[in-house]
C-alpha cells in the first residue's frame, strides 16, 4: 500500500511499499550533464572522462538508494494536539520512532518542519493548521519527505492516521456581560490571606503567630487561631435555553465567551445545555469540560 486511501490505526510503520522516489529538478539537470559527459567520452574515446562519468553516475545512484533508506524503517507512533478555538492555529505534534541502526537526517514533514532522528531515537515534530469548525477534527493526510544526502532525488511517503483532535467553538467577539442572576448567592471560602474571621480553631504546628487569638486563648486556657475567609462573589448560571432568541451557533459562541470570562474573573459557574449540566465549578478541568461539551453540540 503506497498511499493510504482511508485513515489508518496507529502506529504506522514505513516500509518500501509506501515510499515514492523521483529525481529532483537538480537531479534531472545533473543527469543530463552526466549523459553529455558520457557521450563526449565515448565519442573521443577518453578514458579519464569516462571514469569521471561513471563515478558521478554512481553518486547519483547512491543518492537514490540513500534517500529511500532514510525513510524506510521509520514509524509514526502518535499524533496529538492541545485544543484551540476555531480560527486559531492548531499545533499538531507527530511522534516518530527511528528503528534500525541508521541515522535519519534531512526529514521534512508536510513541507513545514525539518528534523532528524538518531538511530533508535524517538522524536516529536509539529505542523500547524487552522481549523474553521468546532468539534472533532480529523487529522489530515500528511507527507513526509527527504532529499538527503545529495539532493538528486526526493523520496516521500504519506500518513493518514485515524486520529481526531478537539477544536473549541469560536468565542463571540462582542458578548454582553456575564449574567449575574440565577446563581446560588454570595459565597465565602477559607483563605489565610482573607480579611474576615470565619471561626476560631485549635492551634496547629506551623500556624503563623500573627493569627493567634491571644485574648480568646487566655479566656479558654488553650491556644486558639483565627481562621480567615474571603468573599468569592456569586455563582454564575450559563443556560443554553435562556438564549432562545439567538441561532444555535450564536448561542454556542456566546456561552463560550462567558465560560472564558467567568474563568478570567475567578467566578464559579454552571453550564446548562440541552443534554447536560456541568457545575458549579471553576478551574482548567471544569473549563475544558464545558468547552468540550459546547464543541460537541450538534451543528445547527
C-alpha atoms as a PDB file:
ATOM      1  CA  UNK A   1       0.000   0.000   0.000  1.00  0.00           C
ATOM      2  CA  UNK A   2       1.931   3.045  -1.251  1.00  0.00           C
ATOM      3  CA  UNK A   3      -0.639   5.719  -0.411  1.00  0.00           C
ATOM      4  CA  UNK A   4      -3.373   5.244   2.236  1.00  0.00           C
ATOM      5  CA  UNK A   5      -6.873   5.626   0.844  1.00  0.00           C
ATOM      6  CA  UNK A   6      -8.500   5.687   4.273  1.00  0.00           C
ATOM      7  CA  UNK A   7      -7.391   6.563   7.818  1.00  0.00           C
ATOM      8  CA  UNK A   8      -5.091   4.011   9.475  1.00  0.00           C
ATOM      9  CA  UNK A   9      -4.699   2.909  13.060  1.00  0.00           C
ATOM     10  CA  UNK A  10      -1.502   3.934  14.831  1.00  0.00           C
ATOM     11  CA  UNK A  11       1.345   3.047  14.934  1.00  0.00           C
ATOM     12  CA  UNK A  12       2.089   3.211  11.181  1.00  0.00           C
ATOM     13  CA  UNK A  13       5.424   1.701  10.021  1.00  0.00           C
ATOM     14  CA  UNK A  14       7.129   2.876   6.828  1.00  0.00           C
ATOM     15  CA  UNK A  15       8.337   0.088   4.543  1.00  0.00           C
ATOM     16  CA  UNK A  16       9.491   0.044   0.928  1.00  0.00           C
ATOM     17  CA  UNK A  17       5.937  -0.346  -0.386  1.00  0.00           C
ATOM     18  CA  UNK A  18       4.908   3.064   0.995  1.00  0.00           C
ATOM     19  CA  UNK A  19       7.818   5.063  -0.429  1.00  0.00           C
ATOM     20  CA  UNK A  20       7.783   7.046  -3.667  1.00  0.00           C
ATOM     21  CA  UNK A  21      11.022   8.357  -5.174  1.00  0.00           C
ATOM     22  CA  UNK A  22      11.708  10.607  -8.182  1.00  0.00           C
ATOM     23  CA  UNK A  23      14.611  12.794  -9.342  1.00  0.00           C
ATOM     24  CA  UNK A  24      14.501  16.456  -8.373  1.00  0.00           C
ATOM     25  CA  UNK A  25      14.963  19.282 -10.871  1.00  0.00           C
ATOM     26  CA  UNK A  26      18.607  19.499  -9.868  1.00  0.00           C
ATOM     27  CA  UNK A  27      18.892  15.737 -10.253  1.00  0.00           C
ATOM     28  CA  UNK A  28      17.475  15.856 -13.809  1.00  0.00           C
ATOM     29  CA  UNK A  29      19.914  18.642 -14.742  1.00  0.00           C
ATOM     30  CA  UNK A  30      22.832  16.718 -13.248  1.00  0.00           C
ATOM     31  CA  UNK A  31      21.725  13.571 -15.086  1.00  0.00           C
ATOM     32  CA  UNK A  32      21.710  15.484 -18.378  1.00  0.00           C
ATOM     33  CA  UNK A  33      25.256  16.713 -17.661  1.00  0.00           C
ATOM     34  CA  UNK A  34      26.436  13.162 -16.886  1.00  0.00           C
ATOM     35  CA  UNK A  35      24.797  11.890 -20.074  1.00  0.00           C
ATOM     36  CA  UNK A  36      26.555  14.594 -22.106  1.00  0.00           C
ATOM     37  CA  UNK A  37      29.868  13.662 -20.481  1.00  0.00           C
ATOM     38  CA  UNK A  38      29.249  10.014 -21.346  1.00  0.00           C
ATOM     39  CA  UNK A  39      28.543  10.829 -24.994  1.00  0.00           C
ATOM     40  CA  UNK A  40      31.669  13.021 -25.186  1.00  0.00           C
ATOM     41  CA  UNK A  41      33.858  10.403 -23.537  1.00  0.00           C
ATOM     42  CA  UNK A  42      32.637   7.691 -25.904  1.00  0.00           C
ATOM     43  CA  UNK A  43      32.962   9.948 -28.938  1.00  0.00           C
ATOM     44  CA  UNK A  44      36.566  10.885 -28.183  1.00  0.00           C
ATOM     45  CA  UNK A  45      37.455   7.557 -26.555  1.00  0.00           C
ATOM     46  CA  UNK A  46      38.609   9.472 -23.467  1.00  0.00           C
ATOM     47  CA  UNK A  47      39.070   7.004 -20.634  1.00  0.00           C
ATOM     48  CA  UNK A  48      39.556   9.587 -17.807  1.00  0.00           C
ATOM     49  CA  UNK A  49      36.352  11.333 -18.877  1.00  0.00           C
ATOM     50  CA  UNK A  50      34.517   8.004 -18.872  1.00  0.00           C
ATOM     51  CA  UNK A  51      35.902   7.184 -15.428  1.00  0.00           C
ATOM     52  CA  UNK A  52      34.692  10.519 -14.055  1.00  0.00           C
ATOM     53  CA  UNK A  53      31.296   9.982 -15.710  1.00  0.00           C
ATOM     54  CA  UNK A  54      30.851   6.574 -14.068  1.00  0.00           C
ATOM     55  CA  UNK A  55      31.901   7.969 -10.674  1.00  0.00           C
ATOM     56  CA  UNK A  56      29.300  10.753 -10.938  1.00  0.00           C
ATOM     57  CA  UNK A  57      26.643   8.284 -12.108  1.00  0.00           C
ATOM     58  CA  UNK A  58      27.430   6.084  -9.082  1.00  0.00           C
ATOM     59  CA  UNK A  59      26.962   9.136  -6.820  1.00  0.00           C
ATOM     60  CA  UNK A  60      23.538   9.759  -8.380  1.00  0.00           C
ATOM     61  CA  UNK A  61      22.563   6.121  -7.920  1.00  0.00           C
ATOM     62  CA  UNK A  62      23.783   6.183  -4.310  1.00  0.00           C
ATOM     63  CA  UNK A  63      21.698   9.321  -3.673  1.00  0.00           C
ATOM     64  CA  UNK A  64      18.546   7.466  -4.763  1.00  0.00           C
ATOM     65  CA  UNK A  65      19.328   4.477  -2.561  1.00  0.00           C
ATOM     66  CA  UNK A  66      20.199   6.571   0.484  1.00  0.00           C
ATOM     67  CA  UNK A  67      17.086   8.738   0.141  1.00  0.00           C
ATOM     68  CA  UNK A  68      14.943   5.592   0.080  1.00  0.00           C
ATOM     69  CA  UNK A  69      16.724   4.117   3.109  1.00  0.00           C
ATOM     70  CA  UNK A  70      16.338   7.388   5.005  1.00  0.00           C
ATOM     71  CA  UNK A  71      12.564   6.815   5.175  1.00  0.00           C
ATOM     72  CA  UNK A  72      12.415   3.029   5.272  1.00  0.00           C
ATOM     73  CA  UNK A  73      12.147   1.795   8.843  1.00  0.00           C
ATOM     74  CA  UNK A  74      10.578   4.905  10.352  1.00  0.00           C
ATOM     75  CA  UNK A  75       7.378   4.548  12.392  1.00  0.00           C
ATOM     76  CA  UNK A  76       4.661   7.055  13.277  1.00  0.00           C
ATOM     77  CA  UNK A  77       3.668   6.296  16.875  1.00  0.00           C
ATOM     78  CA  UNK A  78       1.276   9.079  17.881  1.00  0.00           C
ATOM     79  CA  UNK A  79      -0.406  12.330  16.853  1.00  0.00           C
ATOM     80  CA  UNK A  80      -1.820  14.726  19.428  1.00  0.00           C
ATOM     81  CA  UNK A  81      -2.662  18.399  19.934  1.00  0.00           C
ATOM     82  CA  UNK A  82      -3.896  20.763  22.624  1.00  0.00           C
ATOM     83  CA  UNK A  83      -7.409  22.075  21.844  1.00  0.00           C
ATOM     84  CA  UNK A  84      -7.714  25.568  20.395  1.00  0.00           C
ATOM     85  CA  UNK A  85     -10.683  27.699  19.380  1.00  0.00           C
ATOM     86  CA  UNK A  86     -11.865  27.516  15.777  1.00  0.00           C
ATOM     87  CA  UNK A  87      -9.983  30.052  13.677  1.00  0.00           C
ATOM     88  CA  UNK A  88      -6.799  29.808  15.756  1.00  0.00           C
ATOM     89  CA  UNK A  89      -3.603  27.973  14.683  1.00  0.00           C
ATOM     90  CA  UNK A  90      -3.588  24.355  15.870  1.00  0.00           C
ATOM     91  CA  UNK A  91      -0.204  22.695  16.503  1.00  0.00           C
ATOM     92  CA  UNK A  92      -0.322  19.018  15.591  1.00  0.00           C
ATOM     93  CA  UNK A  93       2.513  17.104  17.254  1.00  0.00           C
ATOM     94  CA  UNK A  94       3.715  13.991  15.436  1.00  0.00           C
ATOM     95  CA  UNK A  95       5.800  11.409  17.306  1.00  0.00           C
ATOM     96  CA  UNK A  96       8.193   9.344  15.163  1.00  0.00           C
ATOM     97  CA  UNK A  97      10.410   6.402  16.071  1.00  0.00           C
ATOM     98  CA  UNK A  98      13.582   5.585  14.105  1.00  0.00           C
ATOM     99  CA  UNK A  99      14.036   1.807  14.086  1.00  0.00           C
ATOM    100  CA  UNK A 100      17.260   0.170  12.977  1.00  0.00           C
ATOM    101  CA  UNK A 101      20.817   1.429  13.222  1.00  0.00           C
ATOM    102  CA  UNK A 102      20.841   4.274  10.677  1.00  0.00           C
ATOM    103  CA  UNK A 103      20.650   7.992  11.470  1.00  0.00           C
ATOM    104  CA  UNK A 104      17.803   9.827   9.730  1.00  0.00           C
ATOM    105  CA  UNK A 105      18.891  13.363   8.768  1.00  0.00           C
ATOM    106  CA  UNK A 106      17.098  15.763   6.441  1.00  0.00           C
ATOM    107  CA  UNK A 107      13.465  14.749   7.131  1.00  0.00           C
ATOM    108  CA  UNK A 108      10.719  17.218   6.207  1.00  0.00           C
ATOM    109  CA  UNK A 109       7.115  16.872   7.431  1.00  0.00           C
ATOM    110  CA  UNK A 110       4.366  18.484   5.346  1.00  0.00           C
ATOM    111  CA  UNK A 111       6.821  20.990   3.913  1.00  0.00           C
ATOM    112  CA  UNK A 112       6.837  22.839   7.270  1.00  0.00           C
ATOM    113  CA  UNK A 113       9.185  21.178   9.744  1.00  0.00           C
ATOM    114  CA  UNK A 114      12.746  19.923   9.223  1.00  0.00           C
ATOM    115  CA  UNK A 115      14.065  17.376  11.709  1.00  0.00           C
ATOM    116  CA  UNK A 116      16.466  14.482  12.157  1.00  0.00           C
ATOM    117  CA  UNK A 117      16.475  11.302  14.234  1.00  0.00           C
ATOM    118  CA  UNK A 118      19.352   9.344  15.675  1.00  0.00           C
ATOM    119  CA  UNK A 119      19.367   5.518  15.425  1.00  0.00           C
ATOM    120  CA  UNK A 120      16.649   4.110  17.672  1.00  0.00           C
ATOM    121  CA  UNK A 121      15.610   7.607  18.797  1.00  0.00           C
ATOM    122  CA  UNK A 122      12.094   8.894  19.303  1.00  0.00           C
ATOM    123  CA  UNK A 123      11.312  12.462  18.266  1.00  0.00           C
ATOM    124  CA  UNK A 124       8.414  14.881  18.100  1.00  0.00           C
ATOM    125  CA  UNK A 125       7.784  17.400  15.321  1.00  0.00           C
ATOM    126  CA  UNK A 126       4.929  19.878  14.881  1.00  0.00           C
ATOM    127  CA  UNK A 127       2.844  21.040  11.951  1.00  0.00           C
ATOM    128  CA  UNK A 128       0.335  23.885  12.023  1.00  0.00           C
ATOM    129  CA  UNK A 129      -3.142  24.094  10.546  1.00  0.00           C
ATOM    130  CA  UNK A 130      -6.070  26.445  11.155  1.00  0.00           C
ATOM    131  CA  UNK A 131      -9.439  24.712  11.684  1.00  0.00           C
ATOM    132  CA  UNK A 132     -12.531  26.736  10.858  1.00  0.00           C
ATOM    133  CA  UNK A 133     -15.138  24.499  12.518  1.00  0.00           C
ATOM    134  CA  UNK A 134     -15.687  23.426  16.093  1.00  0.00           C
ATOM    135  CA  UNK A 135     -15.905  19.791  17.120  1.00  0.00           C
ATOM    136  CA  UNK A 136     -13.677  16.801  16.451  1.00  0.00           C
ATOM    137  CA  UNK A 137     -11.219  17.422  13.624  1.00  0.00           C
ATOM    138  CA  UNK A 138      -9.874  14.500  11.598  1.00  0.00           C
ATOM    139  CA  UNK A 139      -6.099  14.617  11.239  1.00  0.00           C
ATOM    140  CA  UNK A 140      -5.402  15.267   7.533  1.00  0.00           C
ATOM    141  CA  UNK A 141      -3.244  13.168   5.245  1.00  0.00           C
ATOM    142  CA  UNK A 142       0.352  14.370   5.645  1.00  0.00           C
ATOM    143  CA  UNK A 143       3.540  13.946   3.607  1.00  0.00           C
ATOM    144  CA  UNK A 144       6.968  13.043   4.971  1.00  0.00           C
ATOM    145  CA  UNK A 145       9.854  13.575   2.550  1.00  0.00           C
ATOM    146  CA  UNK A 146      13.641  13.743   2.294  1.00  0.00           C
ATOM    147  CA  UNK A 147      16.277  14.836  -0.248  1.00  0.00           C
ATOM    148  CA  UNK A 148      19.212  13.585   1.760  1.00  0.00           C
ATOM    149  CA  UNK A 149      22.082  13.128   1.020  1.00  0.00           C
ATOM    150  CA  UNK A 150      22.860  14.997  -2.232  1.00  0.00           C
ATOM    151  CA  UNK A 151      19.525  16.404  -3.378  1.00  0.00           C
ATOM    152  CA  UNK A 152      19.461  14.444  -6.644  1.00  0.00           C
ATOM    153  CA  UNK A 153      16.322  12.533  -5.621  1.00  0.00           C
ATOM    154  CA  UNK A 154      13.318  13.149  -3.389  1.00  0.00           C
ATOM    155  CA  UNK A 155      11.710  10.255  -1.519  1.00  0.00           C
ATOM    156  CA  UNK A 156       8.376  10.639   0.247  1.00  0.00           C
ATOM    157  CA  UNK A 157       5.558   8.735   1.901  1.00  0.00           C
ATOM    158  CA  UNK A 158       2.082   9.574   3.157  1.00  0.00           C
ATOM    159  CA  UNK A 159       0.440   9.220   6.566  1.00  0.00           C
ATOM    160  CA  UNK A 160      -3.280   9.356   7.256  1.00  0.00           C
ATOM    161  CA  UNK A 161      -3.736   8.436  10.945  1.00  0.00           C
ATOM    162  CA  UNK A 162      -7.143   7.518  12.294  1.00  0.00           C
ATOM    163  CA  UNK A 163      -6.949  10.253  14.896  1.00  0.00           C
ATOM    164  CA  UNK A 164      -9.110  13.206  15.903  1.00  0.00           C
ATOM    165  CA  UNK A 165      -8.325  16.372  17.835  1.00  0.00           C
ATOM    166  CA  UNK A 166     -10.741  18.673  19.631  1.00  0.00           C
ATOM    167  CA  UNK A 167     -11.489  22.197  18.405  1.00  0.00           C
ATOM    168  CA  UNK A 168     -13.307  24.544  20.802  1.00  0.00           C
ATOM    169  CA  UNK A 169     -16.015  26.894  19.490  1.00  0.00           C
ATOM    170  CA  UNK A 170     -15.092  30.443  18.493  1.00  0.00           C
ATOM    171  CA  UNK A 171     -15.946  32.856  21.336  1.00  0.00           C
ATOM    172  CA  UNK A 172     -18.299  35.705  20.456  1.00  0.00           C
ATOM    173  CA  UNK A 173     -16.177  38.824  19.819  1.00  0.00           C
ATOM    174  CA  UNK A 174     -18.527  41.366  21.447  1.00  0.00           C
ATOM    175  CA  UNK A 175     -20.554  39.440  24.000  1.00  0.00           C
ATOM    176  CA  UNK A 176     -22.702  41.162  26.665  1.00  0.00           C
ATOM    177  CA  UNK A 177     -21.585  40.956  30.317  1.00  0.00           C
ATOM    178  CA  UNK A 178     -21.950  37.757  32.298  1.00  0.00           C
ATOM    179  CA  UNK A 179     -25.458  37.081  33.632  1.00  0.00           C
ATOM    180  CA  UNK A 180     -25.392  37.581  37.417  1.00  0.00           C
ATOM    181  CA  UNK A 181     -28.859  36.273  38.261  1.00  0.00           C
ATOM    182  CA  UNK A 182     -29.848  32.670  38.737  1.00  0.00           C
ATOM    183  CA  UNK A 183     -26.780  31.779  40.793  1.00  0.00           C
ATOM    184  CA  UNK A 184     -26.567  30.430  44.299  1.00  0.00           C
ATOM    185  CA  UNK A 185     -25.918  33.752  46.026  1.00  0.00           C
ATOM    186  CA  UNK A 186     -22.814  35.036  47.779  1.00  0.00           C
ATOM    187  CA  UNK A 187     -20.194  32.520  48.851  1.00  0.00           C
ATOM    188  CA  UNK A 188     -17.139  32.609  51.038  1.00  0.00           C
ATOM    189  CA  UNK A 189     -14.095  30.405  51.155  1.00  0.00           C
ATOM    190  CA  UNK A 190     -11.344  29.792  53.669  1.00  0.00           C
ATOM    191  CA  UNK A 191      -8.282  31.892  52.808  1.00  0.00           C
ATOM    192  CA  UNK A 192      -5.284  32.506  55.130  1.00  0.00           C
ATOM    193  CA  UNK A 193      -4.855  35.895  53.480  1.00  0.00           C
ATOM    194  CA  UNK A 194      -8.528  36.799  53.831  1.00  0.00           C
ATOM    195  CA  UNK A 195      -9.838  39.827  55.650  1.00  0.00           C
ATOM    196  CA  UNK A 196     -12.778  38.342  57.584  1.00  0.00           C
ATOM    197  CA  UNK A 197     -12.780  35.981  60.567  1.00  0.00           C
ATOM    198  CA  UNK A 198     -14.604  32.749  59.860  1.00  0.00           C
ATOM    199  CA  UNK A 199     -14.085  30.917  63.186  1.00  0.00           C
ATOM    200  CA  UNK A 200     -11.543  30.045  65.851  1.00  0.00           C
ATOM    201  CA  UNK A 201      -9.802  26.696  65.952  1.00  0.00           C
ATOM    202  CA  UNK A 202      -7.088  24.875  67.877  1.00  0.00           C
ATOM    203  CA  UNK A 203      -3.502  25.890  67.139  1.00  0.00           C
ATOM    204  CA  UNK A 204      -1.591  23.581  64.768  1.00  0.00           C
ATOM    205  CA  UNK A 205       2.171  23.392  64.352  1.00  0.00           C
ATOM    206  CA  UNK A 206       3.186  25.778  61.593  1.00  0.00           C
ATOM    207  CA  UNK A 207       0.372  28.323  62.084  1.00  0.00           C
ATOM    208  CA  UNK A 208       1.741  31.910  61.935  1.00  0.00           C
ATOM    209  CA  UNK A 209       1.790  33.652  65.326  1.00  0.00           C
ATOM    210  CA  UNK A 210       0.018  36.728  63.919  1.00  0.00           C
ATOM    211  CA  UNK A 211      -3.171  34.637  63.539  1.00  0.00           C
ATOM    212  CA  UNK A 212      -3.208  33.553  67.198  1.00  0.00           C
ATOM    213  CA  UNK A 213      -6.240  34.982  69.059  1.00  0.00           C
ATOM    214  CA  UNK A 214      -4.422  35.825  72.311  1.00  0.00           C
ATOM    215  CA  UNK A 215      -7.399  37.185  74.236  1.00  0.00           C
ATOM    216  CA  UNK A 216      -9.649  34.255  73.377  1.00  0.00           C
ATOM    217  CA  UNK A 217      -6.789  31.857  74.144  1.00  0.00           C
ATOM    218  CA  UNK A 218      -6.312  33.411  77.609  1.00  0.00           C
ATOM    219  CA  UNK A 219     -10.001  33.073  78.413  1.00  0.00           C
ATOM    220  CA  UNK A 220     -10.205  29.435  77.344  1.00  0.00           C
ATOM    221  CA  UNK A 221      -6.771  28.315  78.624  1.00  0.00           C
ATOM    222  CA  UNK A 222      -5.873  26.865  75.193  1.00  0.00           C
ATOM    223  CA  UNK A 223      -4.172  28.306  72.161  1.00  0.00           C
ATOM    224  CA  UNK A 224      -6.688  29.379  69.508  1.00  0.00           C
ATOM    225  CA  UNK A 225      -6.051  30.576  65.954  1.00  0.00           C
ATOM    226  CA  UNK A 226      -8.235  32.789  63.774  1.00  0.00           C
ATOM    227  CA  UNK A 227      -9.390  31.032  60.566  1.00  0.00           C
ATOM    228  CA  UNK A 228      -9.812  33.734  57.924  1.00  0.00           C
ATOM    229  CA  UNK A 229     -12.105  33.790  54.916  1.00  0.00           C
ATOM    230  CA  UNK A 230     -12.630  35.857  51.820  1.00  0.00           C
ATOM    231  CA  UNK A 231     -15.701  36.539  49.755  1.00  0.00           C
ATOM    232  CA  UNK A 232     -15.689  34.932  46.324  1.00  0.00           C
ATOM    233  CA  UNK A 233     -18.715  36.501  44.687  1.00  0.00           C
ATOM    234  CA  UNK A 234     -21.715  34.630  43.340  1.00  0.00           C
ATOM    235  CA  UNK A 235     -22.100  31.546  41.197  1.00  0.00           C
ATOM    236  CA  UNK A 236     -22.996  32.230  37.569  1.00  0.00           C
ATOM    237  CA  UNK A 237     -25.554  30.204  35.635  1.00  0.00           C
ATOM    238  CA  UNK A 238     -24.945  29.957  31.898  1.00  0.00           C
ATOM    239  CA  UNK A 239     -28.082  28.479  30.375  1.00  0.00           C
ATOM    240  CA  UNK A 240     -28.347  27.480  26.712  1.00  0.00           C
ATOM    241  CA  UNK A 241     -32.146  27.702  26.815  1.00  0.00           C
ATOM    242  CA  UNK A 242     -32.216  31.298  28.039  1.00  0.00           C
ATOM    243  CA  UNK A 243     -30.611  32.383  24.755  1.00  0.00           C
ATOM    244  CA  UNK A 244     -33.547  31.118  22.703  1.00  0.00           C
ATOM    245  CA  UNK A 245     -33.653  34.365  20.707  1.00  0.00           C
ATOM    246  CA  UNK A 246     -30.269  33.501  19.103  1.00  0.00           C
ATOM    247  CA  UNK A 247     -29.420  30.882  16.457  1.00  0.00           C
ATOM    248  CA  UNK A 248     -27.715  27.755  17.741  1.00  0.00           C
ATOM    249  CA  UNK A 249     -24.183  28.707  16.666  1.00  0.00           C
ATOM    250  CA  UNK A 250     -24.545  32.202  18.144  1.00  0.00           C
ATOM    251  CA  UNK A 251     -25.668  30.683  21.445  1.00  0.00           C
ATOM    252  CA  UNK A 252     -22.622  28.416  21.482  1.00  0.00           C
ATOM    253  CA  UNK A 253     -20.280  31.301  20.710  1.00  0.00           C
ATOM    254  CA  UNK A 254     -21.794  33.468  23.458  1.00  0.00           C
ATOM    255  CA  UNK A 255     -21.640  30.682  26.042  1.00  0.00           C
ATOM    256  CA  UNK A 256     -18.013  30.052  25.041  1.00  0.00           C
ATOM    257  CA  UNK A 257     -17.180  33.699  25.665  1.00  0.00           C
ATOM    258  CA  UNK A 258     -18.985  33.635  29.023  1.00  0.00           C
ATOM    259  CA  UNK A 259     -17.116  30.499  30.127  1.00  0.00           C
ATOM    260  CA  UNK A 260     -13.796  32.191  29.344  1.00  0.00           C
ATOM    261  CA  UNK A 261     -14.871  35.394  31.075  1.00  0.00           C
ATOM    262  CA  UNK A 262     -16.037  33.550  34.204  1.00  0.00           C
ATOM    263  CA  UNK A 263     -12.659  31.772  34.366  1.00  0.00           C
ATOM    264  CA  UNK A 264     -10.787  35.032  33.878  1.00  0.00           C
ATOM    265  CA  UNK A 265     -12.621  36.723  36.738  1.00  0.00           C
ATOM    266  CA  UNK A 266     -12.380  33.705  39.074  1.00  0.00           C
ATOM    267  CA  UNK A 267     -16.123  33.018  39.300  1.00  0.00           C
ATOM    268  CA  UNK A 268     -17.724  29.634  39.752  1.00  0.00           C
ATOM    269  CA  UNK A 269     -20.214  28.850  37.014  1.00  0.00           C
ATOM    270  CA  UNK A 270     -22.751  26.269  35.944  1.00  0.00           C
ATOM    271  CA  UNK A 271     -23.261  25.465  32.261  1.00  0.00           C
ATOM    272  CA  UNK A 272     -26.695  24.161  31.324  1.00  0.00           C
ATOM    273  CA  UNK A 273     -27.015  22.535  27.885  1.00  0.00           C
ATOM    274  CA  UNK A 274     -29.907  20.648  26.259  1.00  0.00           C
ATOM    275  CA  UNK A 275     -28.447  17.258  27.202  1.00  0.00           C
ATOM    276  CA  UNK A 276     -26.100  18.016  30.078  1.00  0.00           C
ATOM    277  CA  UNK A 277     -25.419  20.188  33.101  1.00  0.00           C
ATOM    278  CA  UNK A 278     -21.921  20.916  34.388  1.00  0.00           C
ATOM    279  CA  UNK A 279     -21.007  22.610  37.618  1.00  0.00           C
ATOM    280  CA  UNK A 280     -20.955  24.676  39.585  1.00  0.00           C
ATOM    281  CA  UNK A 281     -17.185  24.762  39.381  1.00  0.00           C
ATOM    282  CA  UNK A 282     -14.143  26.567  38.071  1.00  0.00           C
ATOM    283  CA  UNK A 283     -10.568  25.861  37.054  1.00  0.00           C
ATOM    284  CA  UNK A 284      -8.904  24.363  33.971  1.00  0.00           C
ATOM    285  CA  UNK A 285     -10.617  20.961  34.212  1.00  0.00           C
ATOM    286  CA  UNK A 286     -14.095  22.488  34.518  1.00  0.00           C
ATOM    287  CA  UNK A 287     -13.369  24.959  31.714  1.00  0.00           C
ATOM    288  CA  UNK A 288     -12.234  22.117  29.424  1.00  0.00           C
ATOM    289  CA  UNK A 289     -15.316  20.060  30.296  1.00  0.00           C
ATOM    290  CA  UNK A 290     -17.622  22.966  29.425  1.00  0.00           C
ATOM    291  CA  UNK A 291     -15.838  23.940  26.208  1.00  0.00           C
ATOM    292  CA  UNK A 292     -15.700  20.329  25.087  1.00  0.00           C
ATOM    293  CA  UNK A 293     -19.442  19.928  25.640  1.00  0.00           C
ATOM    294  CA  UNK A 294     -20.088  23.125  23.661  1.00  0.00           C
ATOM    295  CA  UNK A 295     -17.796  21.980  20.854  1.00  0.00           C
ATOM    296  CA  UNK A 296     -19.575  18.635  20.529  1.00  0.00           C
ATOM    297  CA  UNK A 297     -23.111  20.039  20.348  1.00  0.00           C
ATOM    298  CA  UNK A 298     -24.809  19.175  17.020  1.00  0.00           C
ATOM    299  CA  UNK A 299     -24.252  21.773  14.337  1.00  0.00           C
ATOM    300  CA  UNK A 300     -27.294  23.941  13.789  1.00  0.00           C
END
